[in-house]
Amino acid sequence: MEVIGLLAPIAFVFALAALAQIGALKKEVVGLKKEIEFLKNGREN
């Protein structure tokens, strides 16, 4: 049980890092969606 208590701060740091990565990926996806829309609209005109 003590081991779990010692690993909790490490798990918390990894969770924060994962959340930061998710935020970065979300920004990337939004940028790619905008680029796709721009390319689709450019070819239609």
PDB file of N, CA and C in Angstrom:
ATOM      1  N   MET A   1       0.823  -1.192   0.000  1.00  0.00           N
ATOM      2  CA  MET A   1       0.000   0.000   0.000  1.00  0.00           C
ATOM      3  C   MET A   1       0.867   1.256   0.000  1.00  0.00           C
ATOM      4  N   GLU A   2       2.013   1.195   0.646  1.00  0.00           N
ATOM      5  CA  GLU A   2       2.904   2.356   0.671  1.00  0.00           C
ATOM      6  C   GLU A   2       3.457   2.658  -0.709  1.00  0.00           C
ATOM      7  N   VAL A   3       3.656   1.601  -1.505  1.00  0.00           N
ATOM      8  CA  VAL A   3       4.198   1.789  -2.855  1.00  0.00           C
ATOM      9  C   VAL A   3       3.236   2.627  -3.689  1.00  0.00           C
ATOM     10  N   ILE A   4       1.952   2.377  -3.545  1.00  0.00           N
ATOM     11  CA  ILE A   4       0.953   3.140  -4.294  1.00  0.00           C
ATOM     12  C   ILE A   4       1.024   4.619  -3.905  1.00  0.00           C
ATOM     13  N   GLY A   5       1.207   4.877  -2.647  1.00  0.00           N
ATOM     14  CA  GLY A   5       1.339   6.254  -2.181  1.00  0.00           C
ATOM     15  C   GLY A   5       2.575   6.943  -2.742  1.00  0.00           C
ATOM     16  N   LEU A   6       3.647   6.192  -2.907  1.00  0.00           N
ATOM     17  CA  LEU A   6       4.862   6.763  -3.467  1.00  0.00           C
ATOM     18  C   LEU A   6       4.762   6.989  -4.973  1.00  0.00           C
ATOM     19  N   LEU A   7       3.980   6.168  -5.650  1.00  0.00           N
ATOM     20  CA  LEU A   7       3.833   6.293  -7.103  1.00  0.00           C
ATOM     21  C   LEU A   7       2.794   7.338  -7.512  1.00  0.00           C
ATOM     22  N   ALA A   8       1.956   7.749  -6.603  1.00  0.00           N
ATOM     23  CA  ALA A   8       0.896   8.693  -6.931  1.00  0.00           C
ATOM     24  C   ALA A   8       1.433  10.016  -7.499  1.00  0.00           C
ATOM     25  N   PRO A   9       2.473  10.627  -6.917  1.00  0.00           N
ATOM     26  CA  PRO A   9       2.974  11.881  -7.511  1.00  0.00           C
ATOM     27  C   PRO A   9       3.540  11.694  -8.917  1.00  0.00           C
ATOM     28  N   ILE A  10       4.171  10.559  -9.151  1.00  0.00           N
ATOM     29  CA  ILE A  10       4.708  10.279 -10.484  1.00  0.00           C
ATOM     30  C   ILE A  10       3.563  10.116 -11.475  1.00  0.00           C
ATOM     31  N   ALA A  11       2.524   9.407 -11.075  1.00  0.00           N
ATOM     32  CA  ALA A  11       1.362   9.227 -11.939  1.00  0.00           C
ATOM     33  C   ALA A  11       0.707  10.566 -12.247  1.00  0.00           C
ATOM     34  N   PHE A  12       0.671  11.446 -11.263  1.00  0.00           N
ATOM     35  CA  PHE A  12       0.086  12.781 -11.454  1.00  0.00           C
ATOM     36  C   PHE A  12       0.879  13.566 -12.495  1.00  0.00           C
ATOM     37  N   VAL A  13       2.193  13.509 -12.434  1.00  0.00           N
ATOM     38  CA  VAL A  13       3.040  14.208 -13.406  1.00  0.00           C
ATOM     39  C   VAL A  13       2.808  13.648 -14.803  1.00  0.00           C
ATOM     40  N   PHE A  14       2.732  12.330 -14.927  1.00  0.00           N
ATOM     41  CA  PHE A  14       2.466  11.724 -16.233  1.00  0.00           C
ATOM     42  C   PHE A  14       1.093  12.113 -16.748  1.00  0.00           C
ATOM     43  N   ALA A  15       0.115  12.220 -15.859  1.00  0.00           N
ATOM     44  CA  ALA A  15      -1.224  12.632 -16.277  1.00  0.00           C
ATOM     45  C   ALA A  15      -1.213  14.064 -16.792  1.00  0.00           C
ATOM     46  N   LEU A  16      -0.488  14.947 -16.127  1.00  0.00           N
ATOM     47  CA  LEU A  16      -0.390  16.332 -16.600  1.00  0.00           C
ATOM     48  C   LEU A  16       0.302  16.401 -17.954  1.00  0.00           C
ATOM     49  N   ALA A  17       1.335  15.601 -18.134  1.00  0.00           N
ATOM     50  CA  ALA A  17       2.030  15.569 -19.426  1.00  0.00           C
ATOM     51  C   ALA A  17       1.094  15.057 -20.518  1.00  0.00           C
ATOM     52  N   ALA A  18       0.293  14.068 -20.208  1.00  0.00           N
ATOM     53  CA  ALA A  18      -0.653  13.538 -21.191  1.00  0.00           C
ATOM     54  C   ALA A  18      -1.694  14.589 -21.561  1.00  0.00           C
ATOM     55  N   LEU A  19      -2.172  15.336 -20.586  1.00  0.00           N
ATOM     56  CA  LEU A  19      -3.139  16.396 -20.877  1.00  0.00           C
ATOM     57  C   LEU A  19      -2.526  17.471 -21.764  1.00  0.00           C
ATOM     58  N   ALA A  20      -1.275  17.793 -21.543  1.00  0.00           N
ATOM     59  CA  ALA A  20      -0.600  18.779 -22.382  1.00  0.00           C
ATOM     60  C   ALA A  20      -0.480  18.258 -23.813  1.00  0.00           C
ATOM     61  N   GLN A  21      -0.169  16.985 -23.966  1.00  0.00           N
ATOM     62  CA  GLN A  21      -0.071  16.396 -25.303  1.00  0.00           C
ATOM     63  C   GLN A  21      -1.427  16.394 -25.995  1.00  0.00           C
ATOM     64  N   ILE A  22      -2.478  16.114 -25.258  1.00  0.00           N
ATOM     65  CA  ILE A  22      -3.823  16.123 -25.837  1.00  0.00           C
ATOM     66  C   ILE A  22      -4.169  17.520 -26.333  1.00  0.00           C
ATOM     67  N   GLY A  23      -3.815  18.533 -25.558  1.00  0.00           N
ATOM     68  CA  GLY A  23      -4.068  19.904 -25.988  1.00  0.00           C
ATOM     69  C   GLY A  23      -3.319  20.252 -27.258  1.00  0.00           C
ATOM     70  N   ALA A  24      -2.078  19.814 -27.350  1.00  0.00           N
ATOM     71  CA  ALA A  24      -1.278  20.081 -28.545  1.00  0.00           C
ATOM     72  C   ALA A  24      -1.865  19.351 -29.755  1.00  0.00           C
ATOM     73  N   LEU A  25      -2.290  18.114 -29.564  1.00  0.00           N
ATOM     74  CA  LEU A  25      -2.886  17.362 -30.667  1.00  0.00           C
ATOM     75  C   LEU A  25      -4.193  17.988 -31.124  1.00  0.00           C
ATOM     76  N   LYS A  26      -4.973  18.492 -30.178  1.00  0.00           N
ATOM     77  CA  LYS A  26      -6.239  19.134 -30.532  1.00  0.00           C
ATOM     78  C   LYS A  26      -5.985  20.366 -31.387  1.00  0.00           C
ATOM     79  N   LYS A  27      -4.984  21.164 -31.030  1.00  0.00           N
ATOM     80  CA  LYS A  27      -4.641  22.339 -31.832  1.00  0.00           C
ATOM     81  C   LYS A  27      -4.206  21.922 -33.236  1.00  0.00           C
ATOM     82  N   GLU A  28      -3.449  20.853 -33.319  1.00  0.00           N
ATOM     83  CA  GLU A  28      -2.984  20.351 -34.619  1.00  0.00           C
ATOM     84  C   GLU A  28      -4.161  19.915 -35.479  1.00  0.00           C
ATOM     85  N   VAL A  29      -5.107  19.203 -34.882  1.00  0.00           N
ATOM     86  CA  VAL A  29      -6.276  18.724 -35.626  1.00  0.00           C
ATOM     87  C   VAL A  29      -7.105  19.907 -36.114  1.00  0.00           C
ATOM     88  N   VAL A  30      -7.291  20.905 -35.290  1.00  0.00           N
ATOM     89  CA  VAL A  30      -8.051  22.084 -35.697  1.00  0.00           C
ATOM     90  C   VAL A  30      -7.358  22.766 -36.870  1.00  0.00           C
ATOM     91  N   GLY A  31      -6.041  22.889 -36.798  1.00  0.00           N
ATOM     92  CA  GLY A  31      -5.294  23.500 -37.895  1.00  0.00           C
ATOM     93  C   GLY A  31      -5.415  22.696 -39.175  1.00  0.00           C
ATOM     94  N   LEU A  32      -5.353  21.380 -39.079  1.00  0.00           N
ATOM     95  CA  LEU A  32      -5.493  20.534 -40.260  1.00  0.00           C
ATOM     96  C   LEU A  32      -6.896  20.620 -40.849  1.00  0.00           C
ATOM     97  N   LYS A  33      -7.905  20.704 -40.000  1.00  0.00           N
ATOM     98  CA  LYS A  33      -9.275  20.861 -40.495  1.00  0.00           C
ATOM     99  C   LYS A  33      -9.416  22.162 -41.275  1.00  0.00           C
ATOM    100  N   LYS A  34      -8.833  23.241 -40.759  1.00  0.00           N
ATOM    101  CA  LYS A  34      -8.892  24.522 -41.463  1.00  0.00           C
ATOM    102  C   LYS A  34      -8.178  24.435 -42.809  1.00  0.00           C
ATOM    103  N   GLU A  35      -7.047  23.761 -42.821  1.00  0.00           N
ATOM    104  CA  GLU A  35      -6.290  23.615 -44.067  1.00  0.00           C
ATOM    105  C   GLU A  35      -7.082  22.804 -45.087  1.00  0.00           C
ATOM    106  N   ILE A  36      -7.738  21.745 -44.644  1.00  0.00           N
ATOM    107  CA  ILE A  36      -8.550  20.929 -45.551  1.00  0.00           C
ATOM    108  C   ILE A  36      -9.697  21.752 -46.117  1.00  0.00           C
ATOM    109  N   GLU A  37     -10.377  22.502 -45.276  1.00  0.00           N
ATOM    110  CA  GLU A  37     -11.478  23.343 -45.745  1.00  0.00           C
ATOM    111  C   GLU A  37     -10.980  24.380 -46.753  1.00  0.00           C
ATOM    112  N   PHE A  38      -9.826  24.961 -46.483  1.00  0.00           N
ATOM    113  CA  PHE A  38      -9.260  25.951 -47.397  1.00  0.00           C
ATOM    114  C   PHE A  38      -8.971  25.312 -48.752  1.00  0.00           C
ATOM    115  N   LEU A  39      -8.376  24.120 -48.739  1.00  0.00           N
ATOM    116  CA  LEU A  39      -8.059  23.442 -49.993  1.00  0.00           C
ATOM    117  C   LEU A  39      -9.317  23.022 -50.747  1.00  0.00           C
ATOM    118  N   LYS A  40     -10.339  22.563 -50.011  1.00  0.00           N
ATOM    119  CA  LYS A  40     -11.591  22.179 -50.653  1.00  0.00           C
ATOM    120  C   LYS A  40     -12.267  23.390 -51.299  1.00  0.00           C
ATOM    121  N   ASN A  41     -12.274  24.505 -50.597  1.00  0.00           N
ATOM    122  CA  ASN A  41     -12.918  25.704 -51.126  1.00  0.00           C
ATOM    123  C   ASN A  41     -12.121  26.271 -52.306  1.00  0.00           C
ATOM    124  N   GLY A  42     -10.825  26.146 -52.289  1.00  0.00           N
ATOM    125  CA  GLY A  42      -9.997  26.649 -53.371  1.00  0.00           C
ATOM    126  C   GLY A  42     -10.192  25.887 -54.662  1.00  0.00           C
ATOM    127  N   ARG A  43     -10.413  24.594 -54.575  1.00  0.00           N
ATOM    128  CA  ARG A  43     -10.600  23.768 -55.765  1.00  0.00           C
ATOM    129  C   ARG A  43     -11.994  23.911 -56.347  1.00  0.00           C
ATOM    130  N   GLU A  44     -12.965  24.252 -55.502  1.00  0.00           N
ATOM    131  CA  GLU A  44     -14.338  24.401 -55.983  1.00  0.00           C
ATOM    132  C   GLU A  44     -14.508  25.681 -56.769  1.00  0.00           C
ATOM    133  N   ASN A  45     -13.738  26.707 -56.445  1.00  0.00           N
ATOM    134  CA  ASN A  45     -13.908  28.012 -57.113  1.00  0.00           C
ATOM    135  C   ASN A  45     -13.168  28.083 -58.399  1.00  0.00           C
TER     136      ASN A  45
END
